[in-house]
């Protein structure tokens, strides 16, 4: 059974940085895409960034230039480096992996709070 375990969330002041990690345990036959979503209170879950098997990255406009997604394919791990954090980045962040069979796997979520 596949499980995604996230870590790295927490409380940070505006302008600070955090690094999220997500490690997949269990066997996934072929990973198509890995990504991070977030959901703020009262809002819909939105894609923050993703990276394809080929290494192509995609970011939502509000995080471009501040966040960087990367992966360790050998370890089925994806990272999100978040710099210059803003209060509007406050949300629960979820890791997502999509297999080549287009099956979705989700982490349990990790809270990121940006506040002074």
C-alpha atoms as a PDB file:
ATOM      1  CA  UNK A   1       0.000   0.000   0.000  1.00  0.00           C
ATOM      2  CA  UNK A   2       1.367   3.387  -1.003  1.00  0.00           C
ATOM      3  CA  UNK A   3       1.649   6.126   1.597  1.00  0.00           C
ATOM      4  CA  UNK A   4       2.922   9.660   1.176  1.00  0.00           C
ATOM      5  CA  UNK A   5       4.523  11.178   4.254  1.00  0.00           C
ATOM      6  CA  UNK A   6       5.020  14.932   4.336  1.00  0.00           C
ATOM      7  CA  UNK A   7       7.256  16.944   6.626  1.00  0.00           C
ATOM      8  CA  UNK A   8       8.688  20.434   6.969  1.00  0.00           C
ATOM      9  CA  UNK A   9       5.661  22.577   7.664  1.00  0.00           C
ATOM     10  CA  UNK A  10       5.435  25.023  10.527  1.00  0.00           C
ATOM     11  CA  UNK A  11       5.191  28.643  11.614  1.00  0.00           C
ATOM     12  CA  UNK A  12       7.432  31.197   9.942  1.00  0.00           C
ATOM     13  CA  UNK A  13       7.585  34.973   9.802  1.00  0.00           C
ATOM     14  CA  UNK A  14       6.909  36.841   6.559  1.00  0.00           C
ATOM     15  CA  UNK A  15      10.005  36.768   4.393  1.00  0.00           C
ATOM     16  CA  UNK A  16      11.152  33.493   5.894  1.00  0.00           C
ATOM     17  CA  UNK A  17      11.721  30.114   4.287  1.00  0.00           C
ATOM     18  CA  UNK A  18      10.535  26.546   4.679  1.00  0.00           C
ATOM     19  CA  UNK A  19      11.352  23.319   2.868  1.00  0.00           C
ATOM     20  CA  UNK A  20       8.643  20.699   2.496  1.00  0.00           C
ATOM     21  CA  UNK A  21       9.453  17.060   1.818  1.00  0.00           C
ATOM     22  CA  UNK A  22       7.239  14.210   0.725  1.00  0.00           C
ATOM     23  CA  UNK A  23       8.420  10.618   0.654  1.00  0.00           C
ATOM     24  CA  UNK A  24       6.412   7.814  -0.895  1.00  0.00           C
ATOM     25  CA  UNK A  25       6.539   4.399   0.718  1.00  0.00           C
ATOM     26  CA  UNK A  26       5.324   1.311  -1.067  1.00  0.00           C
ATOM     27  CA  UNK A  27       5.582   0.495  -4.725  1.00  0.00           C
ATOM     28  CA  UNK A  28       4.396   2.872  -7.436  1.00  0.00           C
ATOM     29  CA  UNK A  29       4.663   1.473 -10.937  1.00  0.00           C
ATOM     30  CA  UNK A  30       5.922   4.444 -12.869  1.00  0.00           C
ATOM     31  CA  UNK A  31       5.526   8.022 -11.697  1.00  0.00           C
ATOM     32  CA  UNK A  32       4.071  10.456 -14.210  1.00  0.00           C
ATOM     33  CA  UNK A  33       3.998  13.598 -12.110  1.00  0.00           C
ATOM     34  CA  UNK A  34       4.736  14.784  -8.566  1.00  0.00           C
ATOM     35  CA  UNK A  35       3.346  17.957  -7.122  1.00  0.00           C
ATOM     36  CA  UNK A  36       2.237  20.123  -4.249  1.00  0.00           C
ATOM     37  CA  UNK A  37      -1.235  21.550  -3.691  1.00  0.00           C
ATOM     38  CA  UNK A  38      -2.483  23.817  -0.951  1.00  0.00           C
ATOM     39  CA  UNK A  39      -5.799  24.665   0.633  1.00  0.00           C
ATOM     40  CA  UNK A  40      -6.419  27.772   2.687  1.00  0.00           C
ATOM     41  CA  UNK A  41      -9.442  28.087   4.998  1.00  0.00           C
ATOM     42  CA  UNK A  42     -12.593  28.718   3.006  1.00  0.00           C
ATOM     43  CA  UNK A  43     -10.844  28.236  -0.317  1.00  0.00           C
ATOM     44  CA  UNK A  44     -10.548  25.440  -2.851  1.00  0.00           C
ATOM     45  CA  UNK A  45      -7.466  23.299  -3.100  1.00  0.00           C
ATOM     46  CA  UNK A  46      -5.098  24.700  -5.705  1.00  0.00           C
ATOM     47  CA  UNK A  47      -2.022  23.452  -7.496  1.00  0.00           C
ATOM     48  CA  UNK A  48       1.139  25.166  -6.248  1.00  0.00           C
ATOM     49  CA  UNK A  49       3.783  23.419  -8.343  1.00  0.00           C
ATOM     50  CA  UNK A  50       4.419  20.152 -10.116  1.00  0.00           C
ATOM     51  CA  UNK A  51       7.208  18.333 -11.891  1.00  0.00           C
ATOM     52  CA  UNK A  52       6.850  15.678 -14.568  1.00  0.00           C
ATOM     53  CA  UNK A  53       8.865  12.510 -14.984  1.00  0.00           C
ATOM     54  CA  UNK A  54      10.883  14.337 -17.632  1.00  0.00           C
ATOM     55  CA  UNK A  55      11.685  17.171 -15.263  1.00  0.00           C
ATOM     56  CA  UNK A  56       9.356  19.837 -16.616  1.00  0.00           C
ATOM     57  CA  UNK A  57       8.175  22.143 -13.840  1.00  0.00           C
ATOM     58  CA  UNK A  58       5.054  24.232 -13.524  1.00  0.00           C
ATOM     59  CA  UNK A  59       4.157  26.877 -10.934  1.00  0.00           C
ATOM     60  CA  UNK A  60       1.088  28.862 -10.090  1.00  0.00           C
ATOM     61  CA  UNK A  61       1.706  32.545 -10.803  1.00  0.00           C
ATOM     62  CA  UNK A  62       1.628  33.665  -7.180  1.00  0.00           C
ATOM     63  CA  UNK A  63       4.680  31.559  -6.224  1.00  0.00           C
ATOM     64  CA  UNK A  64       6.862  31.995  -9.309  1.00  0.00           C
ATOM     65  CA  UNK A  65      10.323  33.207  -8.362  1.00  0.00           C
ATOM     66  CA  UNK A  66       9.805  32.275  -4.710  1.00  0.00           C
ATOM     67  CA  UNK A  67       9.122  28.516  -4.662  1.00  0.00           C
ATOM     68  CA  UNK A  68      11.156  25.729  -6.236  1.00  0.00           C
ATOM     69  CA  UNK A  69      10.007  22.150  -6.723  1.00  0.00           C
ATOM     70  CA  UNK A  70      12.526  19.345  -7.040  1.00  0.00           C
ATOM     71  CA  UNK A  71      12.630  15.576  -6.724  1.00  0.00           C
ATOM     72  CA  UNK A  72      14.766  12.584  -5.952  1.00  0.00           C
ATOM     73  CA  UNK A  73      13.403  10.013  -8.366  1.00  0.00           C
ATOM     74  CA  UNK A  74      15.414   7.164  -6.913  1.00  0.00           C
ATOM     75  CA  UNK A  75      13.752   7.715  -3.546  1.00  0.00           C
ATOM     76  CA  UNK A  76      10.289   8.722  -4.819  1.00  0.00           C
ATOM     77  CA  UNK A  77      10.649  11.963  -2.904  1.00  0.00           C
ATOM     78  CA  UNK A  78       9.540  15.456  -3.869  1.00  0.00           C
ATOM     79  CA  UNK A  79      10.541  18.730  -2.249  1.00  0.00           C
ATOM     80  CA  UNK A  80       9.185  22.263  -2.194  1.00  0.00           C
ATOM     81  CA  UNK A  81      11.595  25.023  -1.243  1.00  0.00           C
ATOM     82  CA  UNK A  82       9.582  28.075  -0.243  1.00  0.00           C
ATOM     83  CA  UNK A  83      11.371  31.414   0.086  1.00  0.00           C
ATOM     84  CA  UNK A  84      10.135  34.921   0.814  1.00  0.00           C
ATOM     85  CA  UNK A  85       6.971  33.512   2.327  1.00  0.00           C
ATOM     86  CA  UNK A  86       3.917  35.749   2.579  1.00  0.00           C
ATOM     87  CA  UNK A  87       0.864  35.589   4.861  1.00  0.00           C
ATOM     88  CA  UNK A  88      -1.229  34.593   1.841  1.00  0.00           C
ATOM     89  CA  UNK A  89       0.870  31.414   1.543  1.00  0.00           C
ATOM     90  CA  UNK A  90      -0.717  30.185   4.768  1.00  0.00           C
ATOM     91  CA  UNK A  91      -2.484  26.908   4.025  1.00  0.00           C
ATOM     92  CA  UNK A  92      -2.381  23.162   4.420  1.00  0.00           C
ATOM     93  CA  UNK A  93       0.032  21.821   1.817  1.00  0.00           C
ATOM     94  CA  UNK A  94      -0.601  18.423   0.246  1.00  0.00           C
ATOM     95  CA  UNK A  95       1.769  16.219  -1.685  1.00  0.00           C
ATOM     96  CA  UNK A  96       0.401  14.495  -4.782  1.00  0.00           C
ATOM     97  CA  UNK A  97       1.820  11.765  -6.991  1.00  0.00           C
ATOM     98  CA  UNK A  98       0.209  10.630 -10.218  1.00  0.00           C
ATOM     99  CA  UNK A  99       1.271   7.308 -11.666  1.00  0.00           C
ATOM    100  CA  UNK A 100       1.586   6.558 -15.375  1.00  0.00           C
ATOM    101  CA  UNK A 101      -1.724   4.726 -14.991  1.00  0.00           C
ATOM    102  CA  UNK A 102      -3.114   8.106 -13.859  1.00  0.00           C
ATOM    103  CA  UNK A 103      -3.752   6.906 -10.327  1.00  0.00           C
ATOM    104  CA  UNK A 104      -3.661   9.659  -7.685  1.00  0.00           C
ATOM    105  CA  UNK A 105      -1.897   9.386  -4.355  1.00  0.00           C
ATOM    106  CA  UNK A 106      -2.196  12.062  -1.657  1.00  0.00           C
ATOM    107  CA  UNK A 107      -0.375  12.908   1.529  1.00  0.00           C
ATOM    108  CA  UNK A 108      -2.114  13.788   4.767  1.00  0.00           C
ATOM    109  CA  UNK A 109      -1.190  17.464   4.551  1.00  0.00           C
ATOM    110  CA  UNK A 110       1.177  19.690   6.477  1.00  0.00           C
ATOM    111  CA  UNK A 111       0.292  23.101   7.893  1.00  0.00           C
ATOM    112  CA  UNK A 112       2.247  26.156   6.797  1.00  0.00           C
ATOM    113  CA  UNK A 113       1.534  29.357   8.703  1.00  0.00           C
ATOM    114  CA  UNK A 114       3.147  32.659   7.775  1.00  0.00           C
ATOM    115  CA  UNK A 115       2.616  35.238  10.480  1.00  0.00           C
ATOM    116  CA  UNK A 116       4.497  37.806  12.508  1.00  0.00           C
END
